[in-house]
Amino acid sequence: MINYRAVLATATAIVTICATPVFAANFDVQLLNKGDSGLEVFEPALTHVAVGDTVTFKATDKGHDVATIDGMIPAGAQPIKGDTSKDLVVTFTTPGAYGFKCTPHYAMGMVALVVVGDVHPTNLDALKAVHMPNKDVQRFDAIYDDLAKLN
């Protein structure tokens, strides 16, 4: 004999679980003239998010922009470029690591890394191979060290 109440309760539970919305998170990254790690910085310099999450790059101090660094985005992702002195909101749909810079302060080491999905992104070696100014290499080395600690 079929227990219709049990079947109905199970079906209701399945529909409820499937219909429950999944909320994406928002992470703030500040663009600063001076921060905890020095002059001309993104804080935090490393942000780890899930696919579908949003990062708001906040123009806390004016004179900064946000742009992906050539060669430092996952395959299939589109380059990102914001306007100077304006907040930029980015929702990440392609997993991998994204290297960011402030164009006016790139040579001064104003860089950041957003990792979407797995903390071991498949494109990390490609990012490490990108040629950039010495100050950026130093800052990215520190970011990569912080990433390794997320295991």
Protein backbone atom coordinates (compact mmCIF):
# COMPACT_ATOMS: atom_id res chain seq x y z
CA MET A 1 0.00 0.00 0.00
CA ILE A 2 1.33 3.44 -0.91
CA ASN A 3 1.63 5.95 1.88
CA TYR A 4 0.40 9.06 0.07
CA ARG A 5 1.21 11.33 2.98
CA ALA A 6 4.86 10.24 2.93
CA VAL A 7 5.03 10.67 -0.86
CA LEU A 8 3.46 14.14 -0.61
CA ALA A 9 5.80 15.16 2.23
CA THR A 10 8.86 13.97 0.27
CA ALA A 11 7.70 15.76 -2.90
CA THR A 12 7.05 18.96 -0.94
CA ALA A 13 10.53 18.81 0.62
CA ILE A 14 12.18 18.30 -2.78
CA VAL A 15 10.28 21.22 -4.34
CA THR A 16 11.12 23.45 -1.38
CA ILE A 17 14.84 22.63 -1.56
CA CYS A 18 14.96 23.14 -5.34
CA ALA A 19 13.00 26.39 -5.19
CA THR A 20 15.09 27.93 -2.41
CA PRO A 21 17.19 30.69 -3.93
CA VAL A 22 20.95 30.56 -3.58
CA PHE A 23 22.27 33.96 -2.59
CA ALA A 24 25.56 35.12 -4.01
CA ALA A 25 27.92 37.00 -1.74
CA ASN A 26 29.42 40.45 -2.27
CA PHE A 27 33.02 41.24 -1.35
CA ASP A 28 34.47 44.75 -1.09
CA VAL A 29 37.99 45.62 -2.23
CA GLN A 30 39.18 49.15 -1.49
CA LEU A 31 41.47 51.18 -3.76
CA LEU A 32 43.74 53.12 -1.41
CA ASN A 33 46.57 55.63 -1.58
CA LYS A 34 47.91 54.11 1.65
CA GLY A 35 46.92 50.88 3.33
CA ASP A 36 48.22 48.28 5.77
CA SER A 37 50.63 46.87 3.18
CA GLY A 38 52.02 50.18 1.93
CA LEU A 39 51.33 52.87 -0.64
CA GLU A 40 49.00 52.48 -3.65
CA VAL A 41 47.24 49.23 -2.72
CA PHE A 42 44.11 47.18 -3.13
CA GLU A 43 42.80 45.99 0.24
CA PRO A 44 42.49 43.13 0.45
CA ALA A 45 45.04 42.24 -2.23
CA LEU A 46 43.67 38.67 -2.38
CA THR A 47 39.98 37.90 -2.60
CA HIS A 48 38.61 34.36 -2.90
CA VAL A 49 35.01 34.09 -4.12
CA ALA A 50 32.61 31.46 -5.43
CA VAL A 51 31.33 31.42 -9.00
CA GLY A 52 28.41 33.87 -9.12
CA ASP A 53 29.74 36.08 -6.33
CA THR A 54 30.30 39.79 -6.80
CA VAL A 55 33.30 41.96 -5.98
CA THR A 56 32.81 45.70 -5.53
CA PHE A 57 36.04 47.58 -6.15
CA LYS A 58 35.53 50.73 -4.07
CA ALA A 59 37.24 53.93 -5.17
CA THR A 60 37.86 54.84 -1.53
CA ASP A 61 40.66 57.19 -2.54
CA LYS A 62 40.27 59.03 -5.84
CA GLY A 63 42.63 58.72 -8.82
CA HIS A 64 42.48 54.92 -9.12
CA ASP A 65 40.93 52.59 -11.66
CA VAL A 66 40.57 48.82 -11.94
CA ALA A 67 41.56 46.72 -14.95
CA THR A 68 42.53 43.13 -15.57
CA ILE A 69 46.17 42.63 -16.50
CA ASP A 70 46.83 41.29 -20.00
CA GLY A 71 47.39 37.53 -19.80
CA MET A 72 46.03 37.30 -16.26
CA ILE A 73 42.45 36.10 -16.75
CA PRO A 74 41.04 32.60 -17.20
CA ALA A 75 40.32 31.23 -20.67
CA GLY A 76 36.86 32.29 -21.75
CA ALA A 77 36.71 35.30 -19.43
CA GLN A 78 36.39 38.84 -20.76
CA PRO A 79 38.82 41.63 -19.80
CA ILE A 80 37.50 44.03 -17.18
CA LYS A 81 38.09 47.80 -17.14
CA GLY A 82 36.59 50.38 -14.82
CA ASP A 83 36.63 54.16 -14.83
CA THR A 84 39.01 56.29 -12.78
CA SER A 85 37.66 57.34 -9.37
CA LYS A 86 34.49 55.23 -9.75
CA ASP A 87 33.40 52.06 -8.00
CA LEU A 88 33.30 48.96 -10.19
CA VAL A 89 30.99 46.02 -9.49
CA VAL A 90 31.96 42.70 -11.10
CA THR A 91 30.03 39.43 -10.91
CA PHE A 92 32.36 36.52 -11.64
CA THR A 93 30.92 33.67 -13.73
CA THR A 94 34.12 32.07 -15.05
CA PRO A 95 36.27 30.20 -12.50
CA GLY A 96 39.99 30.87 -12.26
CA ALA A 97 42.41 33.56 -11.15
CA TYR A 98 42.14 37.19 -12.28
CA GLY A 99 45.04 39.63 -11.94
CA PHE A 100 44.01 43.26 -11.49
CA LYS A 101 45.88 46.54 -11.62
CA CYS A 102 45.32 50.22 -11.11
CA THR A 103 46.53 51.56 -14.45
CA PRO A 104 48.03 54.85 -13.17
CA HIS A 105 49.83 53.07 -10.30
CA TYR A 106 50.70 49.74 -11.90
CA ALA A 107 54.47 50.36 -11.88
CA MET A 108 54.18 51.19 -8.17
CA GLY A 109 52.81 47.72 -7.43
CA MET A 110 49.09 48.46 -7.17
CA VAL A 111 47.85 44.97 -8.03
CA ALA A 112 45.36 42.43 -6.70
CA LEU A 113 44.24 38.87 -7.30
CA VAL A 114 40.67 37.57 -7.34
CA VAL A 115 40.37 33.78 -7.27
CA VAL A 116 37.01 32.44 -8.37
CA GLY A 117 36.11 28.90 -7.36
CA ASP A 118 38.88 26.48 -6.42
CA VAL A 119 41.78 27.95 -4.38
CA HIS A 120 44.06 26.10 -6.79
CA PRO A 121 43.04 27.80 -10.07
CA THR A 122 44.15 26.01 -13.22
CA ASN A 123 45.48 29.22 -14.78
CA LEU A 124 47.78 30.21 -11.88
CA ASP A 125 50.99 29.13 -13.66
CA ALA A 126 50.03 31.28 -16.66
CA LEU A 127 49.56 34.28 -14.36
CA LYS A 128 52.96 33.73 -12.77
CA ALA A 129 54.58 33.75 -16.23
CA VAL A 130 53.30 37.24 -17.15
CA HIS A 131 56.07 39.82 -17.36
CA MET A 132 55.48 42.89 -15.21
CA PRO A 133 57.37 45.60 -13.29
CA ASN A 134 59.50 44.46 -10.35
CA LYS A 135 57.29 46.04 -7.67
CA ASP A 136 54.28 44.13 -9.07
CA VAL A 137 56.23 40.86 -9.02
CA GLN A 138 57.04 41.44 -5.34
CA ARG A 139 53.41 42.18 -4.48
CA PHE A 140 52.12 39.19 -6.46
CA ASP A 141 54.68 36.91 -4.76
CA ALA A 142 53.21 37.96 -1.40
CA ILE A 143 49.67 37.39 -2.74
CA TYR A 144 50.62 33.91 -4.03
CA ASP A 145 52.07 33.10 -0.60
CA ASP A 146 48.77 34.14 1.01
CA LEU A 147 46.87 32.02 -1.52
CA ALA A 148 48.97 28.98 -0.62
CA LYS A 149 47.92 29.42 3.01
CA LEU A 150 44.24 28.98 2.08
CA ASN A 151 44.69 25.20 1.71
